[in-house]
Amino acid sequence: MCKDTSPKELNFVLCGMNHLAHLYLSSDNEEEMVGQFIADAVKGSDFNFYSPDIRQGILLHRWVDSFTDAHDLVRELRAAYRPNLGLYSSVLIDLVFDHFLAKDFHFHAGRELEEFQQFTFGVLNKHEDSFPAKMKSYFFHMKDKEFMMKYAHPRGMAVIVRQMGNRIPRGESLLAAGDFFDDYVEMASPYFSTFFEELKCEFKLKRLALLHENKID
């Protein structure tokens, strides 16, 4: 879930970090999970080169991004973040929302986050040969750093946010956000639960529509 508000060359760096919600939403379909994972590295109509389920995962990932960006609650939170974060407001919202999902993962998924991380690594390992080149490199980094487990802890998330701020031009606002990550979590607290429940319901409907139509609006 990441709005393309940064320059295009930064889009993969920024959007590639937040994948927990995408993977969770498709966790009952392994190839769809693969599509959700690689979607930010698949451009335009290149999704047609993949199997039907991977293709569906790519299209669902794009739909989740659009749904999130347009949601009234996210717009409201983005406006609250913008004075300090500017164009990177959407980036931090995505990471904060993944933090909420991670820290209460058992409540949402009925399984522990560590178990889901290992399940995800197993699924993606099986399909790594189909990844775009940049995703192979990122997947190695993701496994090495165990990002999902860091998502559950404010201190781990703060480190990730600061690392992103160091990697991008004019990333000073993200560096500062890492230092005050708890404050941004508190600001987002009234928004996440309602938004995420709506996302889950709408995701199921969109998935059914894709299965029926084999396309996305």
C-alpha atoms as a PDB file:
ATOM      1  CA  MET A   1       0.000   0.000   0.000  1.00  0.00           C
ATOM      2  CA  CYS A   2       1.987   2.907  -1.179  1.00  0.00           C
ATOM      3  CA  LYS A   3       1.035   6.008  -3.065  1.00  0.00           C
ATOM      4  CA  ASP A   4       3.429   6.985  -5.837  1.00  0.00           C
ATOM      5  CA  THR A   5       4.162  10.434  -4.475  1.00  0.00           C
ATOM      6  CA  SER A   6       7.937  10.146  -4.744  1.00  0.00           C
ATOM      7  CA  PRO A   7       9.973  10.404  -7.965  1.00  0.00           C
ATOM      8  CA  LYS A   8       9.664   7.249 -10.043  1.00  0.00           C
ATOM      9  CA  GLU A   9      13.218   6.123  -9.402  1.00  0.00           C
ATOM     10  CA  LEU A  10      12.436   6.076  -5.668  1.00  0.00           C
ATOM     11  CA  ASN A  11       9.107   4.322  -5.944  1.00  0.00           C
ATOM     12  CA  PHE A  12      10.449   0.779  -5.632  1.00  0.00           C
ATOM     13  CA  VAL A  13      12.706   1.659  -2.688  1.00  0.00           C
ATOM     14  CA  LEU A  14       9.795   3.210  -0.814  1.00  0.00           C
ATOM     15  CA  CYS A  15       6.946   0.903  -1.727  1.00  0.00           C
ATOM     16  CA  GLY A  16       8.926  -2.317  -1.489  1.00  0.00           C
ATOM     17  CA  MET A  17       9.234  -1.987   2.265  1.00  0.00           C
ATOM     18  CA  ASN A  18       5.591  -2.421   3.202  1.00  0.00           C
ATOM     19  CA  HIS A  19       4.413  -5.879   2.248  1.00  0.00           C
ATOM     20  CA  LEU A  20       3.001  -7.523   5.375  1.00  0.00           C
ATOM     21  CA  ALA A  21      -0.622  -6.544   4.751  1.00  0.00           C
ATOM     22  CA  HIS A  22      -0.403  -7.527   1.083  1.00  0.00           C
ATOM     23  CA  LEU A  23       0.964 -10.969   1.934  1.00  0.00           C
ATOM     24  CA  TYR A  24      -1.532 -11.473   4.749  1.00  0.00           C
ATOM     25  CA  LEU A  25      -4.525 -10.683   2.523  1.00  0.00           C
ATOM     26  CA  SER A  26      -3.496 -13.357   0.004  1.00  0.00           C
ATOM     27  CA  SER A  27      -2.137 -15.922   2.453  1.00  0.00           C
ATOM     28  CA  ASP A  28      -4.666 -18.587   1.420  1.00  0.00           C
ATOM     29  CA  ASN A  29      -3.266 -18.665  -2.147  1.00  0.00           C
ATOM     30  CA  GLU A  30       0.478 -19.178  -2.504  1.00  0.00           C
ATOM     31  CA  GLU A  31       0.860 -17.940  -6.084  1.00  0.00           C
ATOM     32  CA  GLU A  32      -1.304 -14.935  -5.305  1.00  0.00           C
ATOM     33  CA  MET A  33       1.099 -14.165  -2.446  1.00  0.00           C
ATOM     34  CA  VAL A  34       3.951 -14.220  -4.954  1.00  0.00           C
ATOM     35  CA  GLY A  35       2.108 -11.726  -7.135  1.00  0.00           C
ATOM     36  CA  GLN A  36       1.477  -9.476  -4.163  1.00  0.00           C
ATOM     37  CA  PHE A  37       5.176  -9.601  -3.259  1.00  0.00           C
ATOM     38  CA  ILE A  38       6.631  -8.835  -6.683  1.00  0.00           C
ATOM     39  CA  ALA A  39       3.966  -6.352  -7.807  1.00  0.00           C
ATOM     40  CA  ASP A  40       5.977  -3.157  -7.264  1.00  0.00           C
ATOM     41  CA  ALA A  41       8.679  -4.493  -9.609  1.00  0.00           C
ATOM     42  CA  VAL A  42       6.236  -5.475 -12.375  1.00  0.00           C
ATOM     43  CA  LYS A  43       5.512  -2.594 -14.699  1.00  0.00           C
ATOM     44  CA  GLY A  44       2.446  -1.889 -16.803  1.00  0.00           C
ATOM     45  CA  SER A  45       1.017  -4.909 -18.594  1.00  0.00           C
ATOM     46  CA  ASP A  46       4.026  -7.133 -17.845  1.00  0.00           C
ATOM     47  CA  PHE A  47       1.804  -8.977 -15.366  1.00  0.00           C
ATOM     48  CA  ASN A  48       0.486 -10.881 -18.404  1.00  0.00           C
ATOM     49  CA  PHE A  49       3.727 -12.872 -18.492  1.00  0.00           C
ATOM     50  CA  TYR A  50       2.821 -14.637 -15.225  1.00  0.00           C
ATOM     51  CA  SER A  51       0.504 -17.479 -14.266  1.00  0.00           C
ATOM     52  CA  PRO A  52      -3.160 -16.594 -13.600  1.00  0.00           C
ATOM     53  CA  ASP A  53      -2.826 -16.629  -9.795  1.00  0.00           C
ATOM     54  CA  ILE A  54       0.410 -14.619  -9.752  1.00  0.00           C
ATOM     55  CA  ARG A  55      -1.192 -12.197 -12.200  1.00  0.00           C
ATOM     56  CA  GLN A  56      -4.182 -11.882  -9.903  1.00  0.00           C
ATOM     57  CA  GLY A  57      -1.875 -11.143  -6.960  1.00  0.00           C
ATOM     58  CA  ILE A  58      -0.188  -8.338  -8.908  1.00  0.00           C
ATOM     59  CA  LEU A  59      -3.529  -6.806  -9.830  1.00  0.00           C
ATOM     60  CA  LEU A  60      -4.841  -7.119  -6.290  1.00  0.00           C
ATOM     61  CA  HIS A  61      -1.711  -5.424  -4.970  1.00  0.00           C
ATOM     62  CA  ARG A  62      -2.347  -2.498  -7.297  1.00  0.00           C
ATOM     63  CA  TRP A  63      -5.979  -2.371  -6.222  1.00  0.00           C
ATOM     64  CA  VAL A  64      -5.042  -2.369  -2.509  1.00  0.00           C
ATOM     65  CA  ASP A  65      -2.698   0.551  -3.162  1.00  0.00           C
ATOM     66  CA  SER A  66      -5.456   2.501  -4.904  1.00  0.00           C
ATOM     67  CA  PHE A  67      -8.071   1.667  -2.281  1.00  0.00           C
ATOM     68  CA  THR A  68      -5.747   2.766   0.501  1.00  0.00           C
ATOM     69  CA  ASP A  69      -4.733   5.990  -1.166  1.00  0.00           C
ATOM     70  CA  ALA A  70      -8.344   7.023  -1.805  1.00  0.00           C
ATOM     71  CA  HIS A  71      -9.814   6.047   1.578  1.00  0.00           C
ATOM     72  CA  ASP A  72     -11.216   8.966   3.578  1.00  0.00           C
ATOM     73  CA  LEU A  73      -9.523   7.872   6.825  1.00  0.00           C
ATOM     74  CA  VAL A  74      -6.151   7.593   5.108  1.00  0.00           C
ATOM     75  CA  ARG A  75      -6.619  11.001   3.498  1.00  0.00           C
ATOM     76  CA  GLU A  76      -7.341  12.461   6.925  1.00  0.00           C
ATOM     77  CA  LEU A  77      -4.294  10.838   8.493  1.00  0.00           C
ATOM     78  CA  ARG A  78      -2.127  11.856   5.564  1.00  0.00           C
ATOM     79  CA  ALA A  79      -3.164  15.469   6.098  1.00  0.00           C
ATOM     80  CA  ALA A  80      -2.132  15.179   9.763  1.00  0.00           C
ATOM     81  CA  TYR A  81       1.275  13.729   8.794  1.00  0.00           C
ATOM     82  CA  ARG A  82       1.955  16.106   5.908  1.00  0.00           C
ATOM     83  CA  PRO A  83       3.248  19.172   7.824  1.00  0.00           C
ATOM     84  CA  ASN A  84       6.254  17.170   9.022  1.00  0.00           C
ATOM     85  CA  LEU A  85       6.575  14.547   6.297  1.00  0.00           C
ATOM     86  CA  GLY A  86       5.412  16.211   3.091  1.00  0.00           C
ATOM     87  CA  LEU A  87       5.383  13.789   0.154  1.00  0.00           C
ATOM     88  CA  TYR A  88       6.544  10.928   2.381  1.00  0.00           C
ATOM     89  CA  SER A  89       3.356  10.984   4.475  1.00  0.00           C
ATOM     90  CA  SER A  90       1.877   8.041   2.565  1.00  0.00           C
ATOM     91  CA  VAL A  91       5.086   6.049   2.978  1.00  0.00           C
ATOM     92  CA  LEU A  92       4.995   6.357   6.741  1.00  0.00           C
ATOM     93  CA  ILE A  93       1.265   5.572   6.909  1.00  0.00           C
ATOM     94  CA  ASP A  94       1.914   2.290   5.120  1.00  0.00           C
ATOM     95  CA  LEU A  95       4.673   1.379   7.552  1.00  0.00           C
ATOM     96  CA  VAL A  96       2.673   2.412  10.619  1.00  0.00           C
ATOM     97  CA  PHE A  97      -0.302   0.342   9.432  1.00  0.00           C
ATOM     98  CA  ASP A  98       1.942  -2.684   8.900  1.00  0.00           C
ATOM     99  CA  HIS A  99       3.205  -2.109  12.453  1.00  0.00           C
ATOM    100  CA  PHE A 100      -0.354  -2.258  13.799  1.00  0.00           C
ATOM    101  CA  LEU A 101      -0.989  -5.473  11.865  1.00  0.00           C
ATOM    102  CA  ALA A 102       2.283  -7.047  13.032  1.00  0.00           C
ATOM    103  CA  LYS A 103       1.936  -6.285  16.716  1.00  0.00           C
ATOM    104  CA  ASP A 104      -1.591  -7.771  16.830  1.00  0.00           C
ATOM    105  CA  PHE A 105      -1.020 -10.374  14.141  1.00  0.00           C
ATOM    106  CA  HIS A 106      -2.445 -13.299  16.107  1.00  0.00           C
ATOM    107  CA  PHE A 107      -5.688 -11.379  16.603  1.00  0.00           C
ATOM    108  CA  HIS A 108      -6.046 -10.746  12.875  1.00  0.00           C
ATOM    109  CA  ALA A 109      -4.673 -13.996  11.488  1.00  0.00           C
ATOM    110  CA  GLY A 110      -5.094 -16.603  14.214  1.00  0.00           C
ATOM    111  CA  ARG A 111      -1.392 -17.472  13.993  1.00  0.00           C
ATOM    112  CA  GLU A 112       1.840 -16.061  15.336  1.00  0.00           C
ATOM    113  CA  LEU A 113       3.795 -13.576  13.266  1.00  0.00           C
ATOM    114  CA  GLU A 114       6.963 -15.662  13.423  1.00  0.00           C
ATOM    115  CA  GLU A 115       5.069 -18.665  12.039  1.00  0.00           C
ATOM    116  CA  PHE A 116       3.637 -16.528   9.236  1.00  0.00           C
ATOM    117  CA  GLN A 117       7.088 -15.163   8.422  1.00  0.00           C
ATOM    118  CA  GLN A 118       8.504 -18.672   8.021  1.00  0.00           C
ATOM    119  CA  PHE A 119       5.470 -19.723   5.971  1.00  0.00           C
ATOM    120  CA  THR A 120       5.965 -16.708   3.707  1.00  0.00           C
ATOM    121  CA  PHE A 121       9.675 -17.399   3.259  1.00  0.00           C
ATOM    122  CA  GLY A 122       8.834 -20.971   2.280  1.00  0.00           C
ATOM    123  CA  VAL A 123       6.253 -19.885  -0.273  1.00  0.00           C
ATOM    124  CA  LEU A 124       8.492 -17.258  -1.827  1.00  0.00           C
ATOM    125  CA  ASN A 125      11.523 -19.568  -1.856  1.00  0.00           C
ATOM    126  CA  LYS A 126       9.592 -21.987  -4.069  1.00  0.00           C
ATOM    127  CA  HIS A 127       8.868 -19.282  -6.628  1.00  0.00           C
ATOM    128  CA  GLU A 128      12.054 -17.211  -6.482  1.00  0.00           C
ATOM    129  CA  ASP A 129      12.999 -18.165 -10.058  1.00  0.00           C
ATOM    130  CA  SER A 130       9.991 -16.181 -11.300  1.00  0.00           C
ATOM    131  CA  PHE A 131      10.954 -12.970  -9.454  1.00  0.00           C
ATOM    132  CA  PRO A 132      12.138  -9.868 -11.322  1.00  0.00           C
ATOM    133  CA  ALA A 133      15.851  -9.402 -10.676  1.00  0.00           C
ATOM    134  CA  LYS A 134      15.457  -6.567  -8.177  1.00  0.00           C
ATOM    135  CA  MET A 135      13.029  -8.670  -6.115  1.00  0.00           C
ATOM    136  CA  LYS A 136      15.504 -11.527  -5.822  1.00  0.00           C
ATOM    137  CA  SER A 137      17.966  -9.140  -4.218  1.00  0.00           C
ATOM    138  CA  TYR A 138      15.303  -7.628  -1.999  1.00  0.00           C
ATOM    139  CA  PHE A 139      13.999 -11.062  -0.918  1.00  0.00           C
ATOM    140  CA  PHE A 140      17.489 -12.053   0.237  1.00  0.00           C
ATOM    141  CA  HIS A 141      17.689  -8.817   2.240  1.00  0.00           C
ATOM    142  CA  MET A 142      14.197  -9.366   3.665  1.00  0.00           C
ATOM    143  CA  LYS A 143      15.069 -12.854   4.910  1.00  0.00           C
ATOM    144  CA  ASP A 144      18.428 -11.772   6.275  1.00  0.00           C
ATOM    145  CA  LYS A 145      16.946  -8.891   8.294  1.00  0.00           C
ATOM    146  CA  GLU A 146      13.639 -10.629   9.194  1.00  0.00           C
ATOM    147  CA  PHE A 147      11.700  -7.447   8.563  1.00  0.00           C
ATOM    148  CA  MET A 148       8.338  -8.903   9.564  1.00  0.00           C
ATOM    149  CA  MET A 149       9.441  -9.472  13.135  1.00  0.00           C
ATOM    150  CA  LYS A 150      10.829  -5.931  13.302  1.00  0.00           C
ATOM    151  CA  TYR A 151       7.444  -4.590  12.191  1.00  0.00           C
ATOM    152  CA  ALA A 152       5.921  -5.678  15.490  1.00  0.00           C
ATOM    153  CA  HIS A 153       8.199  -3.495  17.612  1.00  0.00           C
ATOM    154  CA  PRO A 154       8.290   0.327  17.549  1.00  0.00           C
ATOM    155  CA  ARG A 155      12.059   0.326  17.997  1.00  0.00           C
ATOM    156  CA  GLY A 156      12.532  -1.996  15.024  1.00  0.00           C
ATOM    157  CA  MET A 157      10.212   0.101  12.886  1.00  0.00           C
ATOM    158  CA  ALA A 158      12.032   3.279  13.893  1.00  0.00           C
ATOM    159  CA  VAL A 159      15.286   1.752  12.639  1.00  0.00           C
ATOM    160  CA  ILE A 160      13.653   0.830   9.313  1.00  0.00           C
ATOM    161  CA  VAL A 161      12.251   4.340   8.891  1.00  0.00           C
ATOM    162  CA  ARG A 162      15.627   5.925   9.602  1.00  0.00           C
ATOM    163  CA  GLN A 163      17.338   3.551   7.160  1.00  0.00           C
ATOM    164  CA  MET A 164      14.878   4.615   4.467  1.00  0.00           C
ATOM    165  CA  GLY A 165      15.557   8.253   5.262  1.00  0.00           C
ATOM    166  CA  ASN A 166      19.275   7.638   4.770  1.00  0.00           C
ATOM    167  CA  ARG A 167      18.758   5.906   1.411  1.00  0.00           C
ATOM    168  CA  ILE A 168      16.747   8.566  -0.382  1.00  0.00           C
ATOM    169  CA  PRO A 169      17.352  12.163  -1.458  1.00  0.00           C
ATOM    170  CA  ARG A 170      15.827  14.731   0.863  1.00  0.00           C
ATOM    171  CA  GLY A 171      15.039  12.012   3.370  1.00  0.00           C
ATOM    172  CA  GLU A 172      15.474  14.226   6.415  1.00  0.00           C
ATOM    173  CA  SER A 173      11.764  14.081   7.259  1.00  0.00           C
ATOM    174  CA  LEU A 174      11.863  10.272   7.451  1.00  0.00           C
ATOM    175  CA  LEU A 175      14.999  10.385   9.577  1.00  0.00           C
ATOM    176  CA  ALA A 176      13.149  12.619  12.014  1.00  0.00           C
ATOM    177  CA  ALA A 177      10.058  10.388  11.860  1.00  0.00           C
ATOM    178  CA  GLY A 178      12.204   7.474  12.974  1.00  0.00           C
ATOM    179  CA  ASP A 179      13.169   9.420  16.066  1.00  0.00           C
ATOM    180  CA  PHE A 180       9.513  10.134  16.864  1.00  0.00           C
ATOM    181  CA  PHE A 181       7.924   6.944  15.522  1.00  0.00           C
ATOM    182  CA  ASP A 182       5.819   6.394  18.658  1.00  0.00           C
ATOM    183  CA  ASP A 183       4.175   9.776  18.134  1.00  0.00           C
ATOM    184  CA  TYR A 184       3.137   8.861  14.601  1.00  0.00           C
ATOM    185  CA  VAL A 185       1.783   5.526  15.835  1.00  0.00           C
ATOM    186  CA  GLU A 186      -0.315   7.332  18.416  1.00  0.00           C
ATOM    187  CA  MET A 187      -1.678   9.694  15.755  1.00  0.00           C
ATOM    188  CA  ALA A 188      -2.692   6.728  13.573  1.00  0.00           C
ATOM    189  CA  SER A 189      -4.252   4.701  16.381  1.00  0.00           C
ATOM    190  CA  PRO A 190      -7.858   5.940  15.865  1.00  0.00           C
ATOM    191  CA  TYR A 191      -7.720   5.109  12.148  1.00  0.00           C
ATOM    192  CA  PHE A 192      -6.238   1.661  11.642  1.00  0.00           C
ATOM    193  CA  SER A 193      -8.885  -0.761  12.916  1.00  0.00           C
ATOM    194  CA  THR A 194     -11.788   0.747  10.984  1.00  0.00           C
ATOM    195  CA  PHE A 195      -9.734   1.104   7.826  1.00  0.00           C
ATOM    196  CA  PHE A 196      -8.334  -2.431   7.986  1.00  0.00           C
ATOM    197  CA  GLU A 197     -11.713  -4.071   8.542  1.00  0.00           C
ATOM    198  CA  GLU A 198     -13.079  -2.223   5.522  1.00  0.00           C
ATOM    199  CA  LEU A 199     -10.031  -3.197   3.478  1.00  0.00           C
ATOM    200  CA  LYS A 200     -10.478  -6.891   4.291  1.00  0.00           C
ATOM    201  CA  CYS A 201     -14.150  -6.836   3.290  1.00  0.00           C
ATOM    202  CA  GLU A 202     -13.545  -4.924   0.079  1.00  0.00           C
ATOM    203  CA  PHE A 203     -10.562  -7.123  -0.784  1.00  0.00           C
ATOM    204  CA  LYS A 204     -12.745 -10.230  -0.717  1.00  0.00           C
ATOM    205  CA  LEU A 205     -15.237  -8.587  -3.057  1.00  0.00           C
ATOM    206  CA  LYS A 206     -12.560  -7.411  -5.478  1.00  0.00           C
ATOM    207  CA  ARG A 207     -10.953 -10.838  -5.507  1.00  0.00           C
ATOM    208  CA  LEU A 208     -14.282 -12.420  -6.441  1.00  0.00           C
ATOM    209  CA  ALA A 209     -14.736  -9.836  -9.165  1.00  0.00           C
ATOM    210  CA  LEU A 210     -11.298 -10.611 -10.573  1.00  0.00           C
ATOM    211  CA  LEU A 211     -11.994 -14.326 -10.546  1.00  0.00           C
ATOM    212  CA  HIS A 212     -15.223 -13.699 -12.452  1.00  0.00           C
ATOM    213  CA  GLU A 213     -13.952 -11.079 -14.875  1.00  0.00           C
ATOM    214  CA  ASN A 214     -10.240 -11.964 -15.069  1.00  0.00           C
ATOM    215  CA  LYS A 215      -9.473  -8.237 -14.996  1.00  0.00           C
ATOM    216  CA  ILE A 216      -9.404  -5.274 -12.635  1.00  0.00           C
ATOM    217  CA  ASP A 217     -11.213  -1.993 -12.966  1.00  0.00           C
END
